[in-house]
Amino acid sequence: MASGFGYTGGRTRCFPLWQEFSKCYASAEKPVDCVAQKDDYMECLHHTKEIARAKEIKSHFVQTQISQSSDARKAAEKAATGVIVSLGLVKEEEGQ
């Protein structure tokens, strides 16, 4: 059984979830009845869902930044090419 006291002498952040899981497990007929409490306690300890969500958000952000920078680059190239072509310094290539 966990004492509930951390290194600094206070209660740990997950101790209330441990108590809830322990209470459920002690009174349950089948361990399957306490899966939700176990998942909450494990998430508190390891933050696996939180970390997965943060990675997903970061990946989406990176993809958005890549897309936006690519679009900006294309627009800048088009603007620069348009100015040079309009001055007659360079002939526009066929197929653009």
PDB file of N, CA and C in Angstrom:
ATOM      1  N   MET A   1       0.836  -1.174   0.000  1.00  0.00           N
ATOM      2  CA  MET A   1       0.000   0.000   0.000  1.00  0.00           C
ATOM      3  C   MET A   1       0.881   1.236   0.000  1.00  0.00           C
ATOM      4  N   ALA A   2       0.495   2.226  -0.774  1.00  0.00           N
ATOM      5  CA  ALA A   2       1.259   3.467  -0.876  1.00  0.00           C
ATOM      6  C   ALA A   2       0.987   4.361   0.329  1.00  0.00           C
ATOM      7  N   SER A   3       2.038   5.065   0.756  1.00  0.00           N
ATOM      8  CA  SER A   3       1.885   5.931   1.925  1.00  0.00           C
ATOM      9  C   SER A   3       1.205   7.241   1.567  1.00  0.00           C
ATOM     10  N   GLY A   4       1.386   7.697   0.339  1.00  0.00           N
ATOM     11  CA  GLY A   4       0.776   8.946  -0.094  1.00  0.00           C
ATOM     12  C   GLY A   4       1.637  10.157   0.159  1.00  0.00           C
ATOM     13  N   PHE A   5       2.820   9.967   0.761  1.00  0.00           N
ATOM     14  CA  PHE A   5       3.712  11.085   1.031  1.00  0.00           C
ATOM     15  C   PHE A   5       4.861  11.084   0.040  1.00  0.00           C
ATOM     16  N   GLY A   6       5.145  12.263  -0.488  1.00  0.00           N
ATOM     17  CA  GLY A   6       6.222  12.396  -1.458  1.00  0.00           C
ATOM     18  C   GLY A   6       7.533  12.760  -0.784  1.00  0.00           C
ATOM     19  N   TYR A   7       8.511  13.144  -1.581  1.00  0.00           N
ATOM     20  CA  TYR A   7       9.841  13.488  -1.081  1.00  0.00           C
ATOM     21  C   TYR A   7       9.816  14.694  -0.145  1.00  0.00           C
ATOM     22  N   THR A   8       8.917  15.621  -0.403  1.00  0.00           N
ATOM     23  CA  THR A   8       8.864  16.838   0.400  1.00  0.00           C
ATOM     24  C   THR A   8       7.966  16.679   1.619  1.00  0.00           C
ATOM     25  N   GLY A   9       7.369  15.526   1.803  1.00  0.00           N
ATOM     26  CA  GLY A   9       6.526  15.275   2.963  1.00  0.00           C
ATOM     27  C   GLY A   9       5.046  15.469   2.707  1.00  0.00           C
ATOM     28  N   GLY A  10       4.697  16.119   1.616  1.00  0.00           N
ATOM     29  CA  GLY A  10       3.288  16.336   1.283  1.00  0.00           C
ATOM     30  C   GLY A  10       2.719  15.174   0.492  1.00  0.00           C
ATOM     31  N   ARG A  11       1.445  15.289   0.198  1.00  0.00           N
ATOM     32  CA  ARG A  11       0.795  14.243  -0.603  1.00  0.00           C
ATOM     33  C   ARG A  11       1.247  14.348  -2.047  1.00  0.00           C
ATOM     34  N   THR A  12       1.383  13.201  -2.697  1.00  0.00           N
ATOM     35  CA  THR A  12       1.760  13.192  -4.106  1.00  0.00           C
ATOM     36  C   THR A  12       0.554  13.568  -4.954  1.00  0.00           C
ATOM     37  N   ARG A  13       0.811  13.995  -6.185  1.00  0.00           N
ATOM     38  CA  ARG A  13      -0.286  14.461  -7.048  1.00  0.00           C
ATOM     39  C   ARG A  13      -1.238  13.332  -7.430  1.00  0.00           C
ATOM     40  N   CYS A  14      -0.759  12.107  -7.458  1.00  0.00           N
ATOM     41  CA  CYS A  14      -1.577  10.980  -7.913  1.00  0.00           C
ATOM     42  C   CYS A  14      -2.193  10.176  -6.772  1.00  0.00           C
ATOM     43  N   PHE A  15      -1.898  10.530  -5.543  1.00  0.00           N
ATOM     44  CA  PHE A  15      -2.385   9.732  -4.424  1.00  0.00           C
ATOM     45  C   PHE A  15      -3.911   9.647  -4.359  1.00  0.00           C
ATOM     46  N   PRO A  16      -4.652  10.736  -4.601  1.00  0.00           N
ATOM     47  CA  PRO A  16      -6.118  10.603  -4.592  1.00  0.00           C
ATOM     48  C   PRO A  16      -6.629   9.610  -5.642  1.00  0.00           C
ATOM     49  N   LEU A  17      -5.983   9.571  -6.789  1.00  0.00           N
ATOM     50  CA  LEU A  17      -6.385   8.618  -7.827  1.00  0.00           C
ATOM     51  C   LEU A  17      -6.028   7.190  -7.410  1.00  0.00           C
ATOM     52  N   TRP A  18      -4.892   7.042  -6.732  1.00  0.00           N
ATOM     53  CA  TRP A  18      -4.516   5.726  -6.218  1.00  0.00           C
ATOM     54  C   TRP A  18      -5.550   5.244  -5.202  1.00  0.00           C
ATOM     55  N   GLN A  19      -5.989   6.127  -4.309  1.00  0.00           N
ATOM     56  CA  GLN A  19      -6.981   5.755  -3.314  1.00  0.00           C
ATOM     57  C   GLN A  19      -8.289   5.327  -3.977  1.00  0.00           C
ATOM     58  N   GLU A  20      -8.685   6.075  -4.994  1.00  0.00           N
ATOM     59  CA  GLU A  20      -9.916   5.746  -5.716  1.00  0.00           C
ATOM     60  C   GLU A  20      -9.806   4.374  -6.378  1.00  0.00           C
ATOM     61  N   PHE A  21      -8.671   4.127  -7.034  1.00  0.00           N
ATOM     62  CA  PHE A  21      -8.454   2.830  -7.688  1.00  0.00           C
ATOM     63  C   PHE A  21      -8.398   1.704  -6.656  1.00  0.00           C
ATOM     64  N   SER A  22      -7.681   1.918  -5.574  1.00  0.00           N
ATOM     65  CA  SER A  22      -7.535   0.906  -4.534  1.00  0.00           C
ATOM     66  C   SER A  22      -8.887   0.563  -3.899  1.00  0.00           C
ATOM     67  N   LYS A  23      -9.691   1.581  -3.659  1.00  0.00           N
ATOM     68  CA  LYS A  23     -11.027   1.373  -3.076  1.00  0.00           C
ATOM     69  C   LYS A  23     -11.899   0.559  -4.031  1.00  0.00           C
ATOM     70  N   CYS A  24     -11.861   0.914  -5.303  1.00  0.00           N
ATOM     71  CA  CYS A  24     -12.645   0.194  -6.310  1.00  0.00           C
ATOM     72  C   CYS A  24     -12.186  -1.259  -6.400  1.00  0.00           C
ATOM     73  N   TYR A  25     -10.883  -1.460  -6.468  1.00  0.00           N
ATOM     74  CA  TYR A  25     -10.329  -2.807  -6.628  1.00  0.00           C
ATOM     75  C   TYR A  25     -10.673  -3.695  -5.433  1.00  0.00           C
ATOM     76  N   ALA A  26     -10.670  -3.109  -4.242  1.00  0.00           N
ATOM     77  CA  ALA A  26     -10.962  -3.880  -3.035  1.00  0.00           C
ATOM     78  C   ALA A  26     -12.424  -4.312  -2.980  1.00  0.00           C
ATOM     79  N   SER A  27     -13.320  -3.498  -3.533  1.00  0.00           N
ATOM     80  CA  SER A  27     -14.741  -3.810  -3.442  1.00  0.00           C
ATOM     81  C   SER A  27     -15.322  -4.436  -4.717  1.00  0.00           C
ATOM     82  N   ALA A  28     -14.544  -4.499  -5.782  1.00  0.00           N
ATOM     83  CA  ALA A  28     -15.049  -5.006  -7.061  1.00  0.00           C
ATOM     84  C   ALA A  28     -15.086  -6.536  -7.075  1.00  0.00           C
ATOM     85  N   GLU A  29     -16.090  -7.048  -7.766  1.00  0.00           N
ATOM     86  CA  GLU A  29     -16.169  -8.495  -7.943  1.00  0.00           C
ATOM     87  C   GLU A  29     -15.188  -8.967  -9.012  1.00  0.00           C
ATOM     88  N   LYS A  30     -15.025  -8.121 -10.045  1.00  0.00           N
ATOM     89  CA  LYS A  30     -14.096  -8.433 -11.128  1.00  0.00           C
ATOM     90  C   LYS A  30     -13.145  -7.245 -11.295  1.00  0.00           C
ATOM     91  N   PRO A  31     -11.866  -7.491 -11.509  1.00  0.00           N
ATOM     92  CA  PRO A  31     -10.922  -6.389 -11.716  1.00  0.00           C
ATOM     93  C   PRO A  31     -11.277  -5.508 -12.925  1.00  0.00           C
ATOM     94  N   VAL A  32     -12.009  -6.071 -13.862  1.00  0.00           N
ATOM     95  CA  VAL A  32     -12.398  -5.325 -15.063  1.00  0.00           C
ATOM     96  C   VAL A  32     -13.280  -4.124 -14.704  1.00  0.00           C
ATOM     97  N   ASP A  33     -13.959  -4.196 -13.563  1.00  0.00           N
ATOM     98  CA  ASP A  33     -14.837  -3.106 -13.145  1.00  0.00           C
ATOM     99  C   ASP A  33     -14.072  -1.828 -12.822  1.00  0.00           C
ATOM    100  N   CYS A  34     -12.772  -1.930 -12.625  1.00  0.00           N
ATOM    101  CA  CYS A  34     -11.971  -0.777 -12.198  1.00  0.00           C
ATOM    102  C   CYS A  34     -11.011  -0.269 -13.278  1.00  0.00           C
ATOM    103  N   VAL A  35     -11.277  -0.593 -14.519  1.00  0.00           N
ATOM    104  CA  VAL A  35     -10.381  -0.193 -15.603  1.00  0.00           C
ATOM    105  C   VAL A  35     -10.299   1.331 -15.709  1.00  0.00           C
ATOM    106  N   ALA A  36     -11.404   2.027 -15.574  1.00  0.00           N
ATOM    107  CA  ALA A  36     -11.401   3.494 -15.696  1.00  0.00           C
ATOM    108  C   ALA A  36     -10.536   4.133 -14.611  1.00  0.00           C
ATOM    109  N   GLN A  37     -10.658   3.641 -13.379  1.00  0.00           N
ATOM    110  CA  GLN A  37      -9.861   4.179 -12.285  1.00  0.00           C
ATOM    111  C   GLN A  37      -8.375   3.885 -12.487  1.00  0.00           C
ATOM    112  N   LYS A  38      -8.087   2.679 -12.989  1.00  0.00           N
ATOM    113  CA  LYS A  38      -6.688   2.315 -13.257  1.00  0.00           C
ATOM    114  C   LYS A  38      -6.113   3.201 -14.357  1.00  0.00           C
ATOM    115  N   ASP A  39      -6.895   3.447 -15.404  1.00  0.00           N
ATOM    116  CA  ASP A  39      -6.425   4.296 -16.494  1.00  0.00           C
ATOM    117  C   ASP A  39      -6.158   5.722 -16.010  1.00  0.00           C
ATOM    118  N   ASP A  40      -7.036   6.242 -15.156  1.00  0.00           N
ATOM    119  CA  ASP A  40      -6.830   7.587 -14.609  1.00  0.00           C
ATOM    120  C   ASP A  40      -5.546   7.645 -13.790  1.00  0.00           C
ATOM    121  N   TYR A  41      -5.330   6.644 -12.957  1.00  0.00           N
ATOM    122  CA  TYR A  41      -4.132   6.607 -12.116  1.00  0.00           C
ATOM    123  C   TYR A  41      -2.871   6.493 -12.976  1.00  0.00           C
ATOM    124  N   MET A  42      -2.888   5.611 -13.975  1.00  0.00           N
ATOM    125  CA  MET A  42      -1.728   5.431 -14.846  1.00  0.00           C
ATOM    126  C   MET A  42      -1.440   6.694 -15.659  1.00  0.00           C
ATOM    127  N   GLU A  43      -2.487   7.382 -16.108  1.00  0.00           N
ATOM    128  CA  GLU A  43      -2.307   8.637 -16.844  1.00  0.00           C
ATOM    129  C   GLU A  43      -1.677   9.691 -15.939  1.00  0.00           C
ATOM    130  N   CYS A  44      -2.103   9.737 -14.696  1.00  0.00           N
ATOM    131  CA  CYS A  44      -1.525  10.680 -13.741  1.00  0.00           C
ATOM    132  C   CYS A  44      -0.034  10.402 -13.535  1.00  0.00           C
ATOM    133  N   LEU A  45       0.333   9.151 -13.463  1.00  0.00           N
ATOM    134  CA  LEU A  45       1.735   8.788 -13.244  1.00  0.00           C
ATOM    135  C   LEU A  45       2.611   9.050 -14.463  1.00  0.00           C
ATOM    136  N   HIS A  46       2.138   8.654 -15.642  1.00  0.00           N
ATOM    137  CA  HIS A  46       2.998   8.627 -16.826  1.00  0.00           C
ATOM    138  C   HIS A  46       2.652   9.655 -17.904  1.00  0.00           C
ATOM    139  N   HIS A  47       1.485  10.240 -17.862  1.00  0.00           N
ATOM    140  CA  HIS A  47       1.043  11.264 -18.830  1.00  0.00           C
ATOM    141  C   HIS A  47       1.102  10.772 -20.280  1.00  0.00           C
ATOM    142  N   THR A  48       0.831   9.515 -20.532  1.00  0.00           N
ATOM    143  CA  THR A  48       0.962   8.974 -21.887  1.00  0.00           C
ATOM    144  C   THR A  48      -0.022   9.613 -22.865  1.00  0.00           C
ATOM    145  N   LYS A  49      -1.271   9.801 -22.457  1.00  0.00           N
ATOM    146  CA  LYS A  49      -2.252  10.425 -23.350  1.00  0.00           C
ATOM    147  C   LYS A  49      -1.920  11.893 -23.574  1.00  0.00           C
ATOM    148  N   GLU A  50      -1.487  12.557 -22.535  1.00  0.00           N
ATOM    149  CA  GLU A  50      -1.125  13.972 -22.638  1.00  0.00           C
ATOM    150  C   GLU A  50       0.061  14.157 -23.583  1.00  0.00           C
ATOM    151  N   ILE A  51       1.060  13.302 -23.460  1.00  0.00           N
ATOM    152  CA  ILE A  51       2.240  13.377 -24.318  1.00  0.00           C
ATOM    153  C   ILE A  51       1.877  13.077 -25.766  1.00  0.00           C
ATOM    154  N   ALA A  52       1.038  12.073 -25.991  1.00  0.00           N
ATOM    155  CA  ALA A  52       0.608  11.732 -27.353  1.00  0.00           C
ATOM    156  C   ALA A  52      -0.152  12.899 -27.981  1.00  0.00           C
ATOM    157  N   ARG A  53      -1.017  13.537 -27.206  1.00  0.00           N
ATOM    158  CA  ARG A  53      -1.780  14.690 -27.711  1.00  0.00           C
ATOM    159  C   ARG A  53      -0.841  15.858 -28.028  1.00  0.00           C
ATOM    160  N   ALA A  54       0.136  16.103 -27.175  1.00  0.00           N
ATOM    161  CA  ALA A  54       1.090  17.185 -27.410  1.00  0.00           C
ATOM    162  C   ALA A  54       1.908  16.927 -28.682  1.00  0.00           C
ATOM    163  N   LYS A  55       2.303  15.672 -28.896  1.00  0.00           N
ATOM    164  CA  LYS A  55       3.044  15.328 -30.120  1.00  0.00           C
ATOM    165  C   LYS A  55       2.175  15.533 -31.355  1.00  0.00           C
ATOM    166  N   GLU A  56       0.898  15.172 -31.253  1.00  0.00           N
ATOM    167  CA  GLU A  56      -0.027  15.351 -32.372  1.00  0.00           C
ATOM    168  C   GLU A  56      -0.189  16.836 -32.702  1.00  0.00           C
ATOM    169  N   ILE A  57      -0.338  17.659 -31.681  1.00  0.00           N
ATOM    170  CA  ILE A  57      -0.488  19.104 -31.882  1.00  0.00           C
ATOM    171  C   ILE A  57       0.779  19.686 -32.496  1.00  0.00           C
ATOM    172  N   LYS A  58       1.944  19.262 -31.997  1.00  0.00           N
ATOM    173  CA  LYS A  58       3.208  19.754 -32.536  1.00  0.00           C
ATOM    174  C   LYS A  58       3.366  19.365 -34.003  1.00  0.00           C
ATOM    175  N   SER A  59       3.031  18.118 -34.338  1.00  0.00           N
ATOM    176  CA  SER A  59       3.126  17.652 -35.720  1.00  0.00           C
ATOM    177  C   SER A  59       2.229  18.472 -36.637  1.00  0.00           C
ATOM    178  N   HIS A  60       1.006  18.728 -36.189  1.00  0.00           N
ATOM    179  CA  HIS A  60       0.078  19.538 -36.984  1.00  0.00           C
ATOM    180  C   HIS A  60       0.620  20.965 -37.159  1.00  0.00           C
ATOM    181  N   PHE A  61       1.175  21.529 -36.103  1.00  0.00           N
ATOM    182  CA  PHE A  61       1.740  22.878 -36.165  1.00  0.00           C
ATOM    183  C   PHE A  61       2.894  22.932 -37.159  1.00  0.00           C
ATOM    184  N   VAL A  62       3.793  21.937 -37.108  1.00  0.00           N
ATOM    185  CA  VAL A  62       4.940  21.900 -38.011  1.00  0.00           C
ATOM    186  C   VAL A  62       4.467  21.783 -39.463  1.00  0.00           C
ATOM    187  N   GLN A  63       3.492  20.910 -39.711  1.00  0.00           N
ATOM    188  CA  GLN A  63       2.974  20.754 -41.071  1.00  0.00           C
ATOM    189  C   GLN A  63       2.352  22.053 -41.579  1.00  0.00           C
ATOM    190  N   THR A  64       1.632  22.758 -40.705  1.00  0.00           N
ATOM    191  CA  THR A  64       1.025  24.040 -41.079  1.00  0.00           C
ATOM    192  C   THR A  64       2.101  25.060 -41.419  1.00  0.00           C
ATOM    193  N   GLN A  65       3.160  25.116 -40.606  1.00  0.00           N
ATOM    194  CA  GLN A  65       4.251  26.056 -40.857  1.00  0.00           C
ATOM    195  C   GLN A  65       4.955  25.743 -42.175  1.00  0.00           C
ATOM    196  N   ILE A  66       5.181  24.471 -42.462  1.00  0.00           N
ATOM    197  CA  ILE A  66       5.817  24.078 -43.723  1.00  0.00           C
ATOM    198  C   ILE A  66       4.947  24.498 -44.900  1.00  0.00           C
ATOM    199  N   SER A  67       3.659  24.247 -44.801  1.00  0.00           N
ATOM    200  CA  SER A  67       2.731  24.609 -45.868  1.00  0.00           C
ATOM    201  C   SER A  67       2.697  26.111 -46.088  1.00  0.00           C
ATOM    202  N   GLN A  68       2.632  26.873 -44.999  1.00  0.00           N
ATOM    203  CA  GLN A  68       2.581  28.325 -45.120  1.00  0.00           C
ATOM    204  C   GLN A  68       3.878  28.889 -45.687  1.00  0.00           C
ATOM    205  N   SER A  69       5.022  28.353 -45.285  1.00  0.00           N
ATOM    206  CA  SER A  69       6.294  28.858 -45.799  1.00  0.00           C
ATOM    207  C   SER A  69       6.451  28.500 -47.279  1.00  0.00           C
ATOM    208  N   SER A  70       5.961  27.327 -47.664  1.00  0.00           N
ATOM    209  CA  SER A  70       6.012  26.928 -49.068  1.00  0.00           C
ATOM    210  C   SER A  70       5.145  27.845 -49.927  1.00  0.00           C
ATOM    211  N   ASP A  71       3.937  28.153 -49.437  1.00  0.00           N
ATOM    212  CA  ASP A  71       3.046  29.058 -50.165  1.00  0.00           C
ATOM    213  C   ASP A  71       3.649  30.449 -50.275  1.00  0.00           C
ATOM    214  N   ALA A  72       4.268  30.940 -49.213  1.00  0.00           N
ATOM    215  CA  ALA A  72       4.890  32.266 -49.229  1.00  0.00           C
ATOM    216  C   ALA A  72       6.058  32.300 -50.202  1.00  0.00           C
ATOM    217  N   ARG A  73       6.841  31.215 -50.243  1.00  0.00           N
ATOM    218  CA  ARG A  73       7.972  31.146 -51.163  1.00  0.00           C
ATOM    219  C   ARG A  73       7.495  31.182 -52.616  1.00  0.00           C
ATOM    220  N   LYS A  74       6.436  30.425 -52.906  1.00  0.00           N
ATOM    221  CA  LYS A  74       5.899  30.413 -54.274  1.00  0.00           C
ATOM    222  C   LYS A  74       5.407  31.799 -54.671  1.00  0.00           C
ATOM    223  N   ALA A  75       4.730  32.479 -53.756  1.00  0.00           N
ATOM    224  CA  ALA A  75       4.222  33.816 -54.045  1.00  0.00           C
ATOM    225  C   ALA A  75       5.372  34.796 -54.276  1.00  0.00           C
ATOM    226  N   ALA A  76       6.426  34.697 -53.473  1.00  0.00           N
ATOM    227  CA  ALA A  76       7.580  35.587 -53.630  1.00  0.00           C
ATOM    228  C   ALA A  76       8.294  35.327 -54.950  1.00  0.00           C
ATOM    229  N   GLU A  77       8.451  34.066 -55.312  1.00  0.00           N
ATOM    230  CA  GLU A  77       9.091  33.742 -56.590  1.00  0.00           C
ATOM    231  C   GLU A  77       8.270  34.273 -57.762  1.00  0.00           C
ATOM    232  N   LYS A  78       6.964  34.139 -57.675  1.00  0.00           N
ATOM    233  CA  LYS A  78       6.084  34.620 -58.744  1.00  0.00           C
ATOM    234  C   LYS A  78       6.169  36.135 -58.860  1.00  0.00           C
ATOM    235  N   ALA A  79       6.175  36.821 -57.720  1.00  0.00           N
ATOM    236  CA  ALA A  79       6.258  38.279 -57.736  1.00  0.00           C
ATOM    237  C   ALA A  79       7.599  38.736 -58.299  1.00  0.00           C
ATOM    238  N   ALA A  80       8.680  38.089 -57.875  1.00  0.00           N
ATOM    239  CA  ALA A  80      10.011  38.469 -58.353  1.00  0.00           C
ATOM    240  C   ALA A  80      10.149  38.186 -59.842  1.00  0.00           C
ATOM    241  N   THR A  81       9.672  37.048 -60.284  1.00  0.00           N
ATOM    242  CA  THR A  81       9.739  36.695 -61.699  1.00  0.00           C
ATOM    243  C   THR A  81       8.897  37.649 -62.527  1.00  0.00           C
ATOM    244  N   GLY A  82       7.741  38.020 -62.013  1.00  0.00           N
ATOM    245  CA  GLY A  82       6.858  38.938 -62.733  1.00  0.00           C
ATOM    246  C   GLY A  82       7.491  40.300 -62.948  1.00  0.00           C
ATOM    247  N   VAL A  83       8.201  40.815 -61.951  1.00  0.00           N
ATOM    248  CA  VAL A  83       8.863  42.118 -62.069  1.00  0.00           C
ATOM    249  C   VAL A  83       9.988  42.047 -63.078  1.00  0.00           C
ATOM    250  N   ILE A  84      10.797  41.006 -63.000  1.00  0.00           N
ATOM    251  CA  ILE A  84      11.931  40.867 -63.916  1.00  0.00           C
ATOM    252  C   ILE A  84      11.442  40.702 -65.348  1.00  0.00           C
ATOM    253  N   VAL A  85      10.417  39.900 -65.556  1.00  0.00           N
ATOM    254  CA  VAL A  85       9.888  39.683 -66.899  1.00  0.00           C
ATOM    255  C   VAL A  85       9.262  40.974 -67.435  1.00  0.00           C
ATOM    256  N   SER A  86       8.551  41.708 -66.574  1.00  0.00           N
ATOM    257  CA  SER A  86       7.887  42.925 -67.039  1.00  0.00           C
ATOM    258  C   SER A  86       8.892  44.015 -67.416  1.00  0.00           C
ATOM    259  N   LEU A  87      10.082  43.987 -66.864  1.00  0.00           N
ATOM    260  CA  LEU A  87      11.116  44.945 -67.237  1.00  0.00           C
ATOM    261  C   LEU A  87      11.811  44.560 -68.533  1.00  0.00           C
ATOM    262  N   GLY A  88      11.598  43.327 -68.962  1.00  0.00           N
ATOM    263  CA  GLY A  88      12.197  42.860 -70.214  1.00  0.00           C
ATOM    264  C   GLY A  88      13.619  42.370 -70.030  1.00  0.00           C
ATOM    265  N   LEU A  89      14.068  42.200 -68.806  1.00  0.00           N
ATOM    266  CA  LEU A  89      15.434  41.753 -68.564  1.00  0.00           C
ATOM    267  C   LEU A  89      15.613  40.272 -68.854  1.00  0.00           C
ATOM    268  N   VAL A  90      14.555  39.513 -68.617  1.00  0.00           N
ATOM    269  CA  VAL A  90      14.591  38.079 -68.827  1.00  0.00           C
ATOM    270  C   VAL A  90      13.312  37.670 -69.533  1.00  0.00           C
ATOM    271  N   LYS A  91      13.480  36.779 -70.491  1.00  0.00           N
ATOM    272  CA  LYS A  91      12.289  36.298 -71.184  1.00  0.00           C
ATOM    273  C   LYS A  91      11.639  35.233 -70.341  1.00  0.00           C
ATOM    274  N   GLU A  92      10.293  35.246 -70.331  1.00  0.00           N
ATOM    275  CA  GLU A  92       9.540  34.251 -69.564  1.00  0.00           C
ATOM    276  C   GLU A  92       9.671  32.905 -70.244  1.00  0.00           C
ATOM    277  N   GLU A  93       9.923  31.863 -69.416  1.00  0.00           N
ATOM    278  CA  GLU A  93      10.062  30.510 -69.940  1.00  0.00           C
ATOM    279  C   GLU A  93       8.704  29.983 -70.359  1.00  0.00           C
ATOM    280  N   GLU A  94       8.710  29.173 -71.387  1.00  0.00           N
ATOM    281  CA  GLU A  94       7.480  28.529 -71.826  1.00  0.00           C
ATOM    282  C   GLU A  94       7.035  27.510 -70.795  1.00  0.00           C
ATOM    283  N   GLY A  95       5.743  27.384 -70.565  1.00  0.00           N
ATOM    284  CA  GLY A  95       5.213  26.372 -69.688  1.00  0.00           C
ATOM    285  C   GLY A  95       4.960  26.858 -68.270  1.00  0.00           C
ATOM    286  N   GLN A  96       5.179  28.137 -67.997  1.00  0.00           N
ATOM    287  CA  GLN A  96       4.904  28.626 -66.651  1.00  0.00           C
ATOM    288  C   GLN A  96       3.592  29.327 -66.589  1.00  0.00           C
TER     289      GLN A  96
END
